[in-house]
N, C-alpha and C. Protein backbone atom coordinates (compact mmCIF):
# COMPACT_ATOMS: atom_id res chain seq x y z
N MET A 1 12.45 22.82 12.65
CA MET A 1 13.06 23.70 13.62
C MET A 1 11.96 24.31 14.48
N ASN A 2 11.42 23.52 15.39
CA ASN A 2 10.30 23.97 16.19
C ASN A 2 10.64 24.14 17.66
N THR A 3 11.82 23.74 18.06
CA THR A 3 12.13 23.74 19.48
C THR A 3 12.66 25.07 19.97
N LYS A 4 12.46 25.29 21.26
CA LYS A 4 12.98 26.52 21.88
C LYS A 4 14.49 26.62 21.73
N SER A 5 15.19 25.49 21.85
CA SER A 5 16.65 25.52 21.77
C SER A 5 17.13 25.93 20.38
N ALA A 6 16.42 25.49 19.32
CA ALA A 6 16.79 25.88 17.96
C ALA A 6 16.58 27.38 17.75
N LYS A 7 15.48 27.92 18.29
CA LYS A 7 15.23 29.36 18.17
C LYS A 7 16.30 30.14 18.93
N LYS A 8 16.62 29.64 20.13
CA LYS A 8 17.65 30.30 20.93
C LYS A 8 18.99 30.27 20.20
N GLU A 9 19.31 29.13 19.58
CA GLU A 9 20.55 29.00 18.82
C GLU A 9 20.61 30.02 17.68
N PHE A 10 19.48 30.23 17.00
CA PHE A 10 19.40 31.20 15.91
C PHE A 10 19.63 32.61 16.44
N VAL A 11 18.92 32.97 17.50
CA VAL A 11 19.06 34.30 18.09
C VAL A 11 20.48 34.51 18.63
N ASP A 12 21.05 33.48 19.25
CA ASP A 12 22.44 33.57 19.74
C ASP A 12 23.41 33.79 18.59
N ALA A 13 23.17 33.14 17.45
CA ALA A 13 24.04 33.31 16.28
C ALA A 13 23.97 34.75 15.77
N ILE A 14 22.78 35.36 15.84
CA ILE A 14 22.66 36.77 15.45
C ILE A 14 23.51 37.62 16.40
N ARG A 15 23.31 37.41 17.69
CA ARG A 15 24.02 38.19 18.71
C ARG A 15 25.54 38.01 18.59
N ASP A 16 25.98 36.77 18.37
CA ASP A 16 27.41 36.47 18.29
C ASP A 16 28.02 36.75 16.92
N LYS A 17 27.16 37.13 15.96
CA LYS A 17 27.58 37.44 14.59
C LYS A 17 28.29 36.25 13.94
N LYS A 18 27.67 35.07 14.08
CA LYS A 18 28.23 33.86 13.49
C LYS A 18 27.38 33.40 12.32
N ARG A 19 28.06 32.97 11.27
CA ARG A 19 27.37 32.42 10.11
C ARG A 19 26.78 31.06 10.47
N VAL A 20 25.77 30.66 9.70
CA VAL A 20 25.11 29.38 9.91
C VAL A 20 25.02 28.63 8.59
N LYS A 21 25.00 27.32 8.69
CA LYS A 21 24.70 26.49 7.52
C LYS A 21 23.27 26.00 7.72
N VAL A 22 22.40 26.35 6.78
CA VAL A 22 20.99 26.00 6.91
C VAL A 22 20.58 25.07 5.77
N ILE A 23 19.85 24.02 6.13
CA ILE A 23 19.27 23.10 5.15
C ILE A 23 17.77 23.35 5.19
N PHE A 24 17.20 23.70 4.04
CA PHE A 24 15.79 24.06 4.00
C PHE A 24 15.14 23.55 2.72
N TYR A 25 13.81 23.46 2.77
CA TYR A 25 13.06 23.05 1.60
C TYR A 25 12.71 24.28 0.78
N SER A 26 13.16 24.31 -0.46
CA SER A 26 12.86 25.40 -1.38
C SER A 26 11.58 25.06 -2.13
N GLN A 27 10.54 25.86 -1.88
CA GLN A 27 9.29 25.63 -2.59
C GLN A 27 9.44 25.97 -4.07
N GLU A 28 10.31 26.92 -4.36
CA GLU A 28 10.56 27.32 -5.75
C GLU A 28 11.22 26.19 -6.54
N GLU A 29 12.22 25.53 -5.93
CA GLU A 29 12.96 24.48 -6.63
C GLU A 29 12.46 23.07 -6.32
N LYS A 30 11.52 22.97 -5.38
CA LYS A 30 10.90 21.68 -5.01
C LYS A 30 11.93 20.65 -4.54
N ARG A 31 12.90 21.12 -3.76
CA ARG A 31 13.92 20.22 -3.20
C ARG A 31 14.61 20.91 -2.03
N PHE A 32 15.37 20.12 -1.27
CA PHE A 32 16.13 20.69 -0.17
C PHE A 32 17.40 21.35 -0.69
N LEU A 33 17.75 22.50 -0.10
CA LEU A 33 18.96 23.23 -0.46
C LEU A 33 19.79 23.46 0.79
N VAL A 34 21.09 23.64 0.59
CA VAL A 34 22.02 23.95 1.68
C VAL A 34 22.65 25.29 1.37
N ARG A 35 22.62 26.21 2.34
CA ARG A 35 23.20 27.53 2.16
C ARG A 35 24.00 27.93 3.39
N VAL A 36 25.06 28.71 3.17
CA VAL A 36 25.78 29.35 4.25
C VAL A 36 25.28 30.79 4.28
N CYS A 37 24.81 31.21 5.46
CA CYS A 37 24.13 32.49 5.58
C CYS A 37 24.53 33.21 6.86
N ALA A 38 24.20 34.49 6.91
CA ALA A 38 24.27 35.26 8.14
C ALA A 38 22.84 35.39 8.65
N PRO A 39 22.58 34.99 9.89
CA PRO A 39 21.23 35.17 10.42
C PRO A 39 21.01 36.64 10.73
N ILE A 40 19.88 37.20 10.30
CA ILE A 40 19.69 38.64 10.51
C ILE A 40 18.43 39.00 11.28
N ASP A 41 17.42 38.13 11.31
CA ASP A 41 16.19 38.52 11.97
C ASP A 41 15.33 37.29 12.23
N TYR A 42 14.61 37.33 13.35
CA TYR A 42 13.68 36.26 13.69
C TYR A 42 12.39 36.90 14.18
N GLY A 43 11.26 36.42 13.71
CA GLY A 43 9.99 36.97 14.18
C GLY A 43 8.82 36.28 13.55
N MET A 44 7.65 36.83 13.80
CA MET A 44 6.42 36.27 13.28
C MET A 44 6.10 36.93 11.95
N ASP A 45 5.59 36.14 11.01
CA ASP A 45 5.19 36.63 9.70
C ASP A 45 3.98 37.54 9.88
N ALA A 46 4.02 38.68 9.25
CA ALA A 46 2.91 39.63 9.34
C ALA A 46 1.80 39.30 8.36
N GLY A 47 1.99 38.29 7.53
CA GLY A 47 0.96 37.92 6.56
C GLY A 47 0.85 38.89 5.41
N VAL A 48 1.93 39.64 5.14
CA VAL A 48 1.92 40.66 4.09
C VAL A 48 1.73 40.04 2.72
N SER A 49 2.20 38.81 2.55
CA SER A 49 2.15 38.17 1.23
C SER A 49 0.73 37.87 0.77
N GLY A 50 -0.23 37.95 1.69
CA GLY A 50 -1.60 37.63 1.31
C GLY A 50 -1.89 36.15 1.38
N ASN A 51 -0.91 35.35 1.74
CA ASN A 51 -1.09 33.91 1.86
C ASN A 51 -1.63 33.60 3.25
N ALA A 52 -2.87 33.20 3.33
CA ALA A 52 -3.51 32.97 4.62
C ALA A 52 -2.80 31.91 5.44
N SER A 53 -2.20 30.93 4.79
CA SER A 53 -1.53 29.86 5.52
C SER A 53 -0.24 30.33 6.19
N SER A 54 0.31 31.48 5.76
CA SER A 54 1.55 31.96 6.35
C SER A 54 1.31 32.98 7.46
N ASN A 55 0.06 33.42 7.66
CA ASN A 55 -0.22 34.41 8.70
C ASN A 55 0.18 33.88 10.06
N GLY A 56 1.01 34.63 10.75
CA GLY A 56 1.43 34.27 12.09
C GLY A 56 2.50 33.20 12.15
N ALA A 57 3.06 32.78 11.02
CA ALA A 57 4.10 31.76 11.01
C ALA A 57 5.43 32.37 11.46
N GLU A 58 6.22 31.57 12.16
CA GLU A 58 7.56 32.02 12.55
C GLU A 58 8.43 32.12 11.31
N ARG A 59 9.21 33.20 11.20
CA ARG A 59 10.08 33.40 10.04
C ARG A 59 11.50 33.60 10.52
N LEU A 60 12.42 33.02 9.77
CA LEU A 60 13.84 33.21 9.99
C LEU A 60 14.38 33.91 8.76
N ASN A 61 15.07 35.01 8.96
CA ASN A 61 15.58 35.80 7.85
C ASN A 61 17.10 35.74 7.85
N PHE A 62 17.65 35.47 6.69
CA PHE A 62 19.09 35.27 6.52
C PHE A 62 19.61 36.17 5.42
N TRP A 63 20.90 36.46 5.48
CA TRP A 63 21.63 37.04 4.37
C TRP A 63 22.29 35.85 3.68
N ASP A 64 21.86 35.56 2.48
CA ASP A 64 22.29 34.36 1.75
C ASP A 64 23.52 34.66 0.91
N TYR A 65 24.68 34.20 1.36
CA TYR A 65 25.93 34.44 0.64
C TYR A 65 26.01 33.63 -0.65
N GLU A 66 25.38 32.46 -0.67
CA GLU A 66 25.52 31.54 -1.80
C GLU A 66 24.39 31.63 -2.81
N GLY A 67 23.30 32.26 -2.47
CA GLY A 67 22.11 32.23 -3.31
C GLY A 67 22.06 33.33 -4.34
N LYS A 68 23.19 33.70 -4.89
CA LYS A 68 23.23 34.75 -5.90
C LYS A 68 22.52 34.29 -7.16
N LYS A 69 21.70 35.15 -7.70
CA LYS A 69 21.06 34.85 -8.98
C LYS A 69 21.98 35.31 -10.09
N GLU A 70 21.88 34.70 -11.23
CA GLU A 70 22.76 35.05 -12.34
C GLU A 70 22.67 36.53 -12.66
N GLY A 71 23.82 37.16 -12.78
CA GLY A 71 23.87 38.58 -13.09
C GLY A 71 23.97 39.46 -11.84
N GLN A 72 23.69 38.90 -10.66
CA GLN A 72 23.81 39.68 -9.43
C GLN A 72 25.26 39.69 -8.97
N THR A 73 25.67 40.79 -8.37
CA THR A 73 27.02 40.86 -7.83
C THR A 73 27.01 40.71 -6.31
N ALA A 74 25.85 40.86 -5.69
CA ALA A 74 25.75 40.77 -4.24
C ALA A 74 24.80 39.66 -3.85
N ALA A 75 24.95 39.18 -2.63
CA ALA A 75 24.05 38.16 -2.10
C ALA A 75 22.69 38.80 -1.81
N HIS A 76 21.73 37.98 -1.44
CA HIS A 76 20.40 38.50 -1.18
C HIS A 76 19.83 37.89 0.10
N THR A 77 18.70 38.42 0.51
CA THR A 77 18.07 37.90 1.72
C THR A 77 17.26 36.65 1.41
N LEU A 78 17.13 35.83 2.43
CA LEU A 78 16.39 34.58 2.34
C LEU A 78 15.46 34.56 3.54
N SER A 79 14.17 34.53 3.31
CA SER A 79 13.19 34.51 4.39
C SER A 79 12.48 33.17 4.36
N LEU A 80 12.59 32.44 5.46
CA LEU A 80 12.03 31.09 5.53
C LEU A 80 11.08 30.96 6.70
N ARG A 81 9.99 30.22 6.49
CA ARG A 81 9.16 29.82 7.62
C ARG A 81 9.94 28.78 8.41
N ALA A 82 9.74 28.75 9.69
CA ALA A 82 10.46 27.80 10.54
C ALA A 82 10.23 26.36 10.09
N ASP A 83 9.04 26.05 9.57
CA ASP A 83 8.76 24.68 9.15
C ASP A 83 9.46 24.29 7.85
N GLN A 84 10.06 25.25 7.14
CA GLN A 84 10.84 24.93 5.95
C GLN A 84 12.26 24.50 6.30
N VAL A 85 12.71 24.85 7.49
CA VAL A 85 14.09 24.59 7.90
C VAL A 85 14.20 23.19 8.47
N ARG A 86 15.03 22.38 7.82
CA ARG A 86 15.26 21.02 8.31
C ARG A 86 16.31 21.04 9.41
N SER A 87 17.42 21.78 9.19
CA SER A 87 18.44 21.89 10.23
C SER A 87 19.24 23.16 10.02
N MET A 88 19.90 23.57 11.10
CA MET A 88 20.75 24.75 11.06
C MET A 88 21.92 24.51 12.00
N ASN A 89 23.12 24.72 11.50
CA ASN A 89 24.33 24.56 12.30
C ASN A 89 25.07 25.89 12.37
N VAL A 90 25.38 26.30 13.59
CA VAL A 90 26.15 27.53 13.78
C VAL A 90 27.61 27.20 13.46
N LEU A 91 28.22 28.01 12.60
CA LEU A 91 29.60 27.79 12.17
C LEU A 91 30.57 28.61 13.02
N ASP A 92 31.83 28.28 12.95
CA ASP A 92 32.86 29.05 13.64
C ASP A 92 33.38 30.17 12.74
N GLU A 93 32.51 30.71 11.90
CA GLU A 93 32.84 31.80 10.99
C GLU A 93 32.01 33.01 11.38
N PHE A 94 32.65 34.14 11.50
CA PHE A 94 31.94 35.37 11.87
C PHE A 94 31.53 36.13 10.63
N PHE A 95 30.49 36.95 10.77
CA PHE A 95 30.11 37.88 9.71
C PHE A 95 30.15 39.29 10.27
N ASP A 96 30.37 40.22 9.38
CA ASP A 96 30.41 41.63 9.75
C ASP A 96 29.09 42.24 9.27
N PRO A 97 28.29 42.80 10.18
CA PRO A 97 27.01 43.38 9.76
C PRO A 97 27.15 44.43 8.66
N SER A 98 28.30 45.06 8.54
CA SER A 98 28.48 46.05 7.48
C SER A 98 28.49 45.40 6.09
N GLU A 99 28.67 44.07 6.03
CA GLU A 99 28.59 43.34 4.76
C GLU A 99 27.16 43.36 4.21
N LEU A 100 26.21 43.58 5.08
CA LEU A 100 24.80 43.46 4.73
C LEU A 100 24.20 44.81 4.39
N VAL A 101 24.87 45.55 3.53
CA VAL A 101 24.49 46.93 3.25
C VAL A 101 23.50 47.08 2.11
N ALA A 102 23.21 46.05 1.37
CA ALA A 102 22.30 46.19 0.23
C ALA A 102 20.89 46.55 0.66
N SER A 103 20.52 46.13 1.87
CA SER A 103 19.19 46.45 2.37
C SER A 103 19.30 46.86 3.82
N SER A 104 18.89 48.08 4.14
CA SER A 104 19.00 48.55 5.51
C SER A 104 17.77 48.22 6.34
N THR A 105 16.75 47.61 5.75
CA THR A 105 15.55 47.25 6.49
C THR A 105 15.25 45.78 6.24
N SER A 106 14.97 45.05 7.32
CA SER A 106 14.66 43.64 7.20
C SER A 106 13.26 43.45 6.65
N THR A 107 12.89 42.20 6.39
CA THR A 107 11.56 41.92 5.88
C THR A 107 10.49 42.19 6.93
N THR A 108 10.87 42.32 8.21
CA THR A 108 9.90 42.61 9.26
C THR A 108 9.84 44.10 9.55
N GLY A 109 10.63 44.89 8.83
CA GLY A 109 10.59 46.34 9.00
C GLY A 109 11.56 46.88 10.02
N ARG A 110 12.35 46.03 10.63
CA ARG A 110 13.34 46.50 11.60
C ARG A 110 14.53 47.09 10.86
N SER A 111 15.03 48.20 11.34
CA SER A 111 16.14 48.86 10.69
C SER A 111 17.46 48.42 11.31
N TYR A 112 18.46 48.18 10.48
CA TYR A 112 19.77 47.74 10.96
C TYR A 112 20.84 48.76 10.68
N SER A 113 20.49 49.98 10.40
CA SER A 113 21.51 50.98 10.16
C SER A 113 21.30 52.18 11.05
């Protein structure tokens, strides 16, 4: 997902409050995964993780409806480098930002409340 049109599509999905289906490579599971998510933020990685290879990388942040861990009752955020994303399709399903109440601050520090 390196093209301007893909970035614009992501930002438009945020603005239009549309869910997306994203296919990405999970470094944790060492395979590609498919998730339905709400796009919540796009920006450059601040390099907070201490990983020099991620400094300045483009990041896409999602609210992951399907990625619940065992024992969790709510979905969680999913932060991906743009190069982890194989494809993203904007769905005809809307999301309500009030659904995303578990965290009022994104991974980039922007406040949504």
